[in-house]
N, C-alpha and C. Protein backbone atom coordinates (compact mmCIF):
# COMPACT_ATOMS: atom_id res chain seq x y z
N MET A 1 35.46 -89.47 -91.02
CA MET A 1 35.39 -88.82 -89.89
C MET A 1 37.13 -88.49 -89.71
N GLN A 2 37.41 -86.79 -89.16
CA GLN A 2 38.90 -87.03 -89.12
C GLN A 2 39.27 -86.87 -87.81
N PHE A 3 39.44 -88.16 -87.08
CA PHE A 3 39.86 -88.40 -85.44
C PHE A 3 40.62 -87.32 -85.00
N PRO A 4 41.86 -87.09 -85.82
CA PRO A 4 42.98 -86.14 -84.96
C PRO A 4 42.01 -84.76 -84.63
N LEU A 5 41.54 -84.21 -85.91
CA LEU A 5 40.72 -82.74 -85.45
C LEU A 5 39.42 -83.04 -84.21
N ASN A 6 38.64 -84.20 -84.34
CA ASN A 6 37.86 -83.93 -83.40
C ASN A 6 38.70 -84.11 -81.49
N ILE A 7 39.91 -84.74 -81.53
CA ILE A 7 40.65 -84.97 -80.41
C ILE A 7 40.90 -83.25 -79.84
N PHE A 8 41.36 -83.02 -80.98
CA PHE A 8 41.57 -81.32 -80.48
C PHE A 8 40.49 -80.51 -80.54
N VAL A 9 39.58 -80.41 -80.91
CA VAL A 9 38.01 -80.21 -80.41
C VAL A 9 37.51 -80.63 -79.05
N ALA A 10 37.87 -82.06 -78.76
CA ALA A 10 37.55 -82.38 -77.60
C ALA A 10 37.80 -81.89 -76.37
N VAL A 11 40.11 -81.54 -76.35
CA VAL A 11 40.63 -81.03 -75.85
C VAL A 11 40.10 -79.59 -75.65
N VAL A 12 39.88 -78.69 -76.57
CA VAL A 12 39.45 -77.41 -76.29
C VAL A 12 38.27 -77.56 -75.51
N ILE A 13 37.11 -78.18 -75.71
CA ILE A 13 35.90 -77.89 -74.95
C ILE A 13 36.23 -78.29 -73.26
N SER A 14 36.91 -79.57 -72.89
CA SER A 14 36.92 -79.78 -72.42
C SER A 14 37.80 -78.97 -70.99
N ALA A 15 38.65 -78.40 -71.81
CA ALA A 15 39.54 -77.22 -71.34
C ALA A 15 38.58 -75.87 -71.05
N ILE A 16 37.87 -75.28 -71.70
CA ILE A 16 36.71 -74.70 -71.34
C ILE A 16 36.23 -74.96 -70.52
N HIS A 17 34.97 -76.11 -70.21
CA HIS A 17 34.04 -76.70 -69.76
C HIS A 17 34.61 -77.20 -68.15
N VAL A 18 36.13 -76.95 -67.88
CA VAL A 18 37.14 -77.47 -66.33
C VAL A 18 36.96 -75.85 -66.48
N LEU A 19 37.29 -74.65 -67.25
CA LEU A 19 37.53 -73.07 -67.06
C LEU A 19 36.33 -72.57 -66.31
N VAL A 20 35.13 -72.93 -66.87
CA VAL A 20 34.14 -72.79 -66.02
C VAL A 20 33.56 -73.04 -65.07
N CYS A 21 33.88 -74.07 -65.11
CA CYS A 21 33.69 -74.89 -63.53
C CYS A 21 34.20 -74.66 -62.25
N PHE A 22 35.58 -74.25 -62.49
CA PHE A 22 36.57 -74.06 -61.69
C PHE A 22 36.21 -72.06 -61.08
N ALA A 23 35.53 -71.50 -62.23
CA ALA A 23 35.61 -70.23 -62.42
C ALA A 23 33.98 -70.13 -61.22
N LEU A 24 33.08 -71.04 -61.47
CA LEU A 24 32.16 -70.58 -60.56
C LEU A 24 32.13 -70.45 -58.94
N ARG A 25 31.44 -69.77 -58.20
CA ARG A 25 31.44 -69.22 -56.90
C ARG A 25 30.39 -70.13 -56.33
N LEU A 26 30.85 -71.64 -55.95
CA LEU A 26 29.69 -72.79 -55.18
C LEU A 26 30.17 -72.30 -54.39
N PRO A 27 29.07 -73.01 -53.53
CA PRO A 27 29.59 -72.65 -51.31
C PRO A 27 30.70 -74.22 -51.77
N SER A 28 31.99 -73.70 -50.38
CA SER A 28 32.69 -74.46 -50.08
C SER A 28 32.29 -75.98 -49.88
N LYS A 29 30.78 -76.19 -49.63
CA LYS A 29 30.51 -77.53 -49.11
C LYS A 29 30.30 -78.20 -50.70
N TYR A 30 30.19 -77.72 -51.27
CA TYR A 30 29.87 -78.57 -52.98
C TYR A 30 30.85 -78.23 -53.94
N LYS A 31 31.91 -77.59 -53.52
CA LYS A 31 33.18 -77.02 -54.75
C LYS A 31 34.21 -77.64 -54.95
N LYS A 32 34.33 -78.77 -53.90
CA LYS A 32 35.38 -80.06 -54.33
C LYS A 32 34.82 -80.91 -54.99
N GLN A 33 33.48 -81.55 -54.85
CA GLN A 33 32.80 -82.36 -55.42
C GLN A 33 32.85 -82.18 -56.81
N PHE A 34 32.32 -80.37 -57.16
CA PHE A 34 31.86 -80.64 -58.67
C PHE A 34 32.91 -80.46 -59.21
N HIS A 35 34.18 -79.82 -58.96
CA HIS A 35 35.35 -79.82 -59.49
C HIS A 35 36.07 -81.29 -59.83
N ILE A 36 36.28 -82.00 -59.10
CA ILE A 36 36.41 -83.32 -59.09
C ILE A 36 35.46 -83.84 -59.79
N TYR A 37 34.27 -83.86 -59.76
CA TYR A 37 33.32 -84.34 -61.20
C TYR A 37 33.83 -83.90 -62.58
N SER A 38 33.74 -82.66 -62.61
CA SER A 38 34.06 -82.10 -63.65
C SER A 38 35.60 -82.31 -64.48
N VAL A 39 36.51 -82.75 -63.62
CA VAL A 39 37.87 -83.40 -64.25
C VAL A 39 37.35 -84.26 -64.67
N ALA A 40 36.85 -85.31 -64.00
CA ALA A 40 36.73 -86.71 -64.31
C ALA A 40 35.89 -86.60 -65.51
N VAL A 41 34.71 -86.02 -65.66
CA VAL A 41 33.93 -86.63 -66.72
C VAL A 41 34.15 -86.21 -68.34
N ASN A 42 35.08 -84.95 -67.76
CA ASN A 42 36.55 -84.77 -69.04
C ASN A 42 37.29 -85.77 -69.09
N LEU A 43 37.90 -86.26 -68.55
CA LEU A 43 39.17 -87.21 -68.99
C LEU A 43 38.78 -88.23 -69.45
N ILE A 44 37.44 -89.03 -68.87
CA ILE A 44 36.66 -89.94 -69.47
C ILE A 44 35.87 -89.84 -70.58
N PHE A 45 35.89 -88.23 -71.78
CA PHE A 45 35.73 -88.00 -72.94
C PHE A 45 36.70 -87.78 -73.94
N ILE A 46 37.58 -87.55 -73.39
CA ILE A 46 38.58 -87.57 -73.88
C ILE A 46 39.76 -88.86 -74.42
N VAL A 47 39.32 -89.35 -73.59
CA VAL A 47 39.93 -90.91 -73.45
C VAL A 47 38.72 -91.66 -74.06
N PHE A 48 37.65 -91.61 -74.15
CA PHE A 48 36.24 -92.39 -75.26
C PHE A 48 37.02 -91.85 -76.55
N LEU A 49 37.07 -90.43 -76.70
CA LEU A 49 37.25 -90.35 -78.84
C LEU A 49 38.58 -90.92 -78.76
N LEU A 50 39.77 -90.88 -77.91
CA LEU A 50 41.52 -91.34 -78.14
C LEU A 50 40.81 -92.96 -78.33
N GLY A 51 39.73 -93.99 -77.52
CA GLY A 51 39.83 -95.09 -77.93
C GLY A 51 39.41 -95.30 -79.49
N PHE A 52 38.00 -94.45 -79.16
CA PHE A 52 37.10 -94.92 -80.44
C PHE A 52 38.28 -94.26 -81.82
N SER A 53 39.27 -93.65 -81.92
CA SER A 53 39.66 -93.06 -82.94
C SER A 53 40.70 -94.45 -83.08
N ILE A 54 41.24 -95.12 -82.11
CA ILE A 54 42.35 -96.16 -82.65
C ILE A 54 41.29 -96.95 -82.85
N PHE A 55 39.98 -97.45 -82.34
CA PHE A 55 39.18 -98.56 -82.81
C PHE A 55 39.24 -98.48 -84.73
N PHE A 56 38.50 -97.15 -84.71
CA PHE A 56 38.25 -97.18 -85.82
C PHE A 56 38.97 -96.84 -86.79
N LYS A 57 40.54 -96.79 -86.64
CA LYS A 57 41.68 -97.00 -87.57
C LYS A 57 41.97 -98.50 -87.75
N THR A 58 41.66 -99.44 -86.46
CA THR A 58 41.65 -100.68 -86.65
C THR A 58 40.61 -101.63 -87.19
N SER A 59 39.22 -101.16 -87.33
CA SER A 59 38.07 -102.26 -88.10
C SER A 59 37.81 -101.19 -88.93
N LEU A 60 36.38 -101.76 -89.22
CA LEU A 60 35.64 -100.93 -89.82
C LEU A 60 35.11 -99.81 -89.59
N PRO A 61 34.49 -98.44 -90.69
CA PRO A 61 33.89 -97.56 -90.21
C PRO A 61 32.87 -98.03 -89.04
N THR A 62 31.79 -98.75 -89.98
CA THR A 62 30.68 -99.18 -89.58
C THR A 62 30.55 -99.82 -88.25
N GLN A 63 31.66 -100.33 -87.77
CA GLN A 63 31.72 -101.36 -87.08
C GLN A 63 31.57 -100.49 -85.16
N GLY A 64 30.69 -100.82 -84.65
CA GLY A 64 30.67 -100.20 -83.14
C GLY A 64 30.19 -98.11 -83.60
N ILE A 65 29.45 -97.80 -84.24
CA ILE A 65 29.03 -96.49 -84.24
C ILE A 65 28.06 -96.13 -83.85
N ASN A 66 27.52 -97.42 -83.38
CA ASN A 66 26.45 -97.10 -82.51
C ASN A 66 26.58 -96.78 -81.22
N ILE A 67 27.79 -97.57 -80.29
CA ILE A 67 28.21 -97.52 -78.94
C ILE A 67 28.97 -96.00 -79.42
N TYR A 68 29.64 -95.55 -80.67
CA TYR A 68 30.16 -94.42 -80.57
C TYR A 68 29.07 -92.90 -80.10
N TYR A 69 28.05 -93.46 -81.08
CA TYR A 69 26.85 -92.20 -80.87
C TYR A 69 26.38 -91.99 -79.50
N ASN A 70 26.13 -93.41 -79.14
CA ASN A 70 25.31 -93.30 -77.83
C ASN A 70 26.40 -92.88 -76.42
N GLY A 71 27.59 -93.44 -76.50
CA GLY A 71 29.22 -92.59 -75.54
C GLY A 71 28.89 -91.09 -75.75
N LEU A 72 28.69 -90.61 -77.19
CA LEU A 72 28.87 -88.89 -76.77
C LEU A 72 27.45 -88.61 -76.29
N ALA A 73 26.58 -89.22 -77.08
CA ALA A 73 25.08 -88.46 -76.38
C ALA A 73 25.31 -88.49 -75.13
N THR A 74 25.76 -89.66 -74.20
CA THR A 74 25.98 -90.08 -72.78
C THR A 74 26.60 -89.15 -72.15
N LEU A 75 27.74 -89.10 -72.79
CA LEU A 75 28.97 -87.66 -72.39
C LEU A 75 28.39 -86.01 -72.46
N TYR A 76 27.70 -86.08 -73.41
CA TYR A 76 27.29 -84.57 -73.38
C TYR A 76 26.34 -84.13 -72.31
N PHE A 77 25.41 -85.05 -71.36
CA PHE A 77 24.63 -84.95 -70.43
C PHE A 77 25.12 -85.26 -69.06
N LEU A 78 26.23 -85.89 -69.28
CA LEU A 78 27.38 -85.80 -67.99
C LEU A 78 28.05 -84.62 -68.17
N LEU A 79 28.44 -84.11 -69.14
CA LEU A 79 29.51 -82.72 -69.08
C LEU A 79 28.19 -82.04 -69.19
N PHE A 80 27.54 -81.56 -69.60
CA PHE A 80 26.63 -80.21 -69.70
C PHE A 80 25.40 -80.05 -68.57
N ILE A 81 24.69 -80.99 -68.59
CA ILE A 81 23.50 -81.03 -68.03
C ILE A 81 23.80 -80.63 -66.12
N PRO A 82 24.66 -81.04 -65.83
CA PRO A 82 24.95 -80.51 -63.89
C PRO A 82 25.81 -79.39 -64.19
N LEU A 83 26.51 -78.48 -65.24
CA LEU A 83 26.89 -77.36 -65.35
C LEU A 83 25.57 -76.71 -65.48
N GLY A 84 24.57 -76.58 -66.16
CA GLY A 84 23.20 -76.04 -66.39
C GLY A 84 22.77 -76.02 -65.18
N VAL A 85 22.56 -77.10 -64.56
CA VAL A 85 22.05 -77.14 -63.47
C VAL A 85 22.61 -76.18 -62.39
N VAL A 86 23.92 -76.01 -61.99
CA VAL A 86 24.26 -75.16 -61.34
C VAL A 86 24.21 -73.75 -61.46
N LEU A 87 24.53 -73.45 -62.91
CA LEU A 87 23.97 -72.59 -63.21
C LEU A 87 22.64 -71.89 -63.19
N ILE A 88 22.31 -72.40 -63.10
CA ILE A 88 20.55 -72.21 -62.88
C ILE A 88 20.29 -71.78 -61.46
N LEU A 89 20.38 -72.41 -60.56
CA LEU A 89 20.90 -72.57 -58.97
C LEU A 89 21.55 -71.39 -58.33
N LEU A 90 22.73 -71.49 -59.46
CA LEU A 90 24.00 -70.01 -58.62
C LEU A 90 22.69 -68.35 -59.36
N PHE A 91 22.18 -68.59 -60.68
CA PHE A 91 21.18 -67.44 -61.34
C PHE A 91 20.16 -67.17 -60.31
N LYS A 92 19.44 -68.17 -59.65
CA LYS A 92 18.45 -68.33 -59.05
C LYS A 92 18.78 -67.75 -57.40
N LYS A 93 19.95 -68.01 -57.00
CA LYS A 93 20.37 -67.57 -55.42
C LYS A 93 20.57 -65.86 -55.83
N LEU A 94 20.91 -65.59 -56.83
CA LEU A 94 21.39 -64.22 -57.32
C LEU A 94 20.16 -63.45 -57.17
N ILE A 95 19.26 -63.46 -58.21
CA ILE A 95 17.95 -63.43 -58.35
C ILE A 95 17.09 -63.25 -56.92
N MET A 96 16.97 -64.13 -56.33
CA MET A 96 16.36 -64.13 -54.83
C MET A 96 16.84 -63.17 -53.81
N ASN A 97 18.06 -62.71 -54.40
CA ASN A 97 18.84 -61.81 -53.17
C ASN A 97 18.62 -60.53 -53.94
N ALA A 98 18.53 -60.46 -54.70
CA ALA A 98 17.90 -58.99 -55.87
C ALA A 98 16.95 -57.79 -54.87
N ASP A 99 17.10 -56.73 -55.02
CA ASP A 99 16.44 -55.76 -54.53
C ASP A 99 15.26 -55.20 -55.57
N ILE A 100 14.32 -56.98 -55.78
CA ILE A 100 13.26 -56.62 -56.84
C ILE A 100 12.30 -56.70 -55.93
N TYR A 101 11.34 -55.67 -56.00
CA TYR A 101 10.51 -55.67 -54.69
C TYR A 101 8.91 -56.78 -55.38
N LEU A 102 8.68 -56.78 -56.79
CA LEU A 102 7.77 -57.90 -57.25
C LEU A 102 8.40 -59.39 -56.91
N ILE A 103 7.62 -59.94 -56.05
CA ILE A 103 8.16 -61.72 -56.08
C ILE A 103 7.53 -62.40 -57.42
N PHE A 104 6.69 -62.11 -58.24
CA PHE A 104 6.23 -62.24 -59.29
C PHE A 104 7.38 -62.05 -60.28
N LEU A 105 7.81 -61.31 -60.36
CA LEU A 105 8.94 -60.77 -61.62
C LEU A 105 10.35 -61.73 -61.39
N LYS A 106 10.40 -61.87 -59.84
CA LYS A 106 11.60 -62.67 -59.78
C LYS A 106 11.53 -64.38 -60.09
N TYR A 107 10.31 -64.48 -60.41
CA TYR A 107 10.09 -66.19 -60.68
C TYR A 107 9.79 -65.47 -61.94
N VAL A 108 9.79 -64.87 -62.77
CA VAL A 108 9.54 -64.52 -64.19
C VAL A 108 10.80 -64.32 -64.90
N ILE A 109 11.73 -64.16 -64.24
CA ILE A 109 13.18 -63.74 -64.48
C ILE A 109 13.78 -65.53 -64.75
N ILE A 110 13.44 -65.87 -63.08
CA ILE A 110 14.23 -67.42 -63.30
C ILE A 110 13.70 -68.27 -64.30
N ILE A 111 12.09 -68.53 -64.52
CA ILE A 111 11.92 -69.14 -65.53
C ILE A 111 12.01 -68.77 -67.22
N GLY A 112 12.17 -67.41 -67.32
CA GLY A 112 12.93 -67.07 -68.29
C GLY A 112 14.33 -67.67 -68.25
N ALA A 113 14.66 -67.72 -67.55
CA ALA A 113 16.44 -67.88 -67.87
C ALA A 113 16.64 -69.42 -68.04
N ILE A 114 15.85 -70.04 -67.19
CA ILE A 114 15.29 -71.98 -67.53
C ILE A 114 15.02 -72.07 -69.11
N VAL A 115 13.83 -71.40 -69.83
CA VAL A 115 13.75 -71.70 -70.92
C VAL A 115 15.16 -71.27 -71.86
N ILE A 116 15.25 -70.08 -71.73
CA ILE A 116 17.10 -70.30 -72.46
C ILE A 116 17.52 -70.69 -72.10
N LEU A 117 18.02 -71.09 -71.28
CA LEU A 117 19.25 -72.05 -71.05
C LEU A 117 19.09 -73.66 -71.69
N THR A 118 17.78 -73.87 -71.31
CA THR A 118 17.18 -75.20 -71.64
C THR A 118 17.71 -74.81 -73.35
N GLY A 119 16.92 -74.17 -74.48
CA GLY A 119 16.84 -73.96 -75.60
C GLY A 119 18.68 -74.03 -75.99
N ILE A 120 19.41 -73.82 -74.95
CA ILE A 120 21.24 -73.68 -75.31
C ILE A 120 21.39 -75.07 -75.55
N PHE A 121 20.87 -75.70 -74.43
CA PHE A 121 21.45 -76.98 -74.14
C PHE A 121 20.77 -77.83 -75.38
N VAL A 122 19.90 -77.80 -75.67
CA VAL A 122 19.07 -78.49 -76.59
C VAL A 122 19.78 -78.16 -78.22
N LEU A 123 20.35 -76.86 -78.33
CA LEU A 123 21.36 -76.68 -79.68
C LEU A 123 22.13 -77.20 -79.96
N GLY A 124 23.41 -76.97 -78.69
CA GLY A 124 24.31 -77.41 -78.00
C GLY A 124 24.27 -79.17 -78.06
N TYR A 125 23.08 -79.86 -77.81
CA TYR A 125 23.11 -81.29 -77.81
C TYR A 125 23.70 -81.78 -79.88
N ALA A 126 22.94 -80.90 -80.32
CA ALA A 126 22.73 -80.91 -81.70
C ALA A 126 24.15 -81.02 -82.41
N LEU A 127 24.72 -79.64 -81.93
CA LEU A 127 26.05 -79.46 -82.54
C LEU A 127 27.10 -80.14 -81.97
N PHE A 128 26.87 -80.64 -80.65
CA PHE A 128 27.93 -81.00 -80.17
C PHE A 128 27.82 -83.14 -80.69
N ILE A 129 26.87 -83.34 -81.18
CA ILE A 129 26.66 -84.19 -81.75
C ILE A 129 27.22 -84.52 -83.04
N LEU A 130 26.89 -83.29 -84.17
CA LEU A 130 27.51 -83.34 -85.25
C LEU A 130 28.78 -82.58 -85.54
N THR A 131 29.99 -82.27 -84.00
CA THR A 131 30.84 -81.82 -84.51
C THR A 131 31.51 -83.14 -84.03
N PHE A 132 31.24 -84.37 -83.49
CA PHE A 132 32.21 -85.21 -83.25
C PHE A 132 31.75 -86.68 -84.27
N TYR A 133 30.38 -86.57 -84.45
CA TYR A 133 29.44 -87.84 -85.00
C TYR A 133 29.72 -87.49 -86.66
N GLY A 134 29.84 -86.25 -87.12
CA GLY A 134 29.69 -86.05 -88.64
C GLY A 134 28.69 -85.10 -88.76
N PHE A 135 29.20 -84.14 -89.74
CA PHE A 135 28.11 -83.61 -90.88
C PHE A 135 27.48 -84.41 -91.96
N GLY A 136 28.42 -85.72 -92.20
CA GLY A 136 28.18 -85.84 -94.06
C GLY A 136 27.08 -87.17 -93.34
N PRO A 137 26.36 -87.64 -94.24
CA PRO A 137 25.63 -89.08 -94.05
C PRO A 137 27.06 -90.33 -93.70
């Protein structure tokens, strides 16, 4: 595992995540909490990777690998599941306010968006873990 590269990738992912979170047009009631949450989780993510890069340099690579994998998985869900839920809710609000006469069609569009976003998040999980955990055995 090449940790300096992983930390660079983590900073890029965190920057994109924070930019997306701050660009969302949330109601003012939830905007501040969501911004604080996104910044806090991204800082935890970067500190986690920095801490484990130092840990792996001073110990055997096989020690703590289970904690590393579980930490990455947890941080993925903490980063992207709330973002996905917010995106789905904003899309639902957009579709429900649209001038579509068939109510059934509105629900078909929303369900289709949920299925597509779920697929993206499942694929994203695999790519996220492989990026930081390693592509080799």
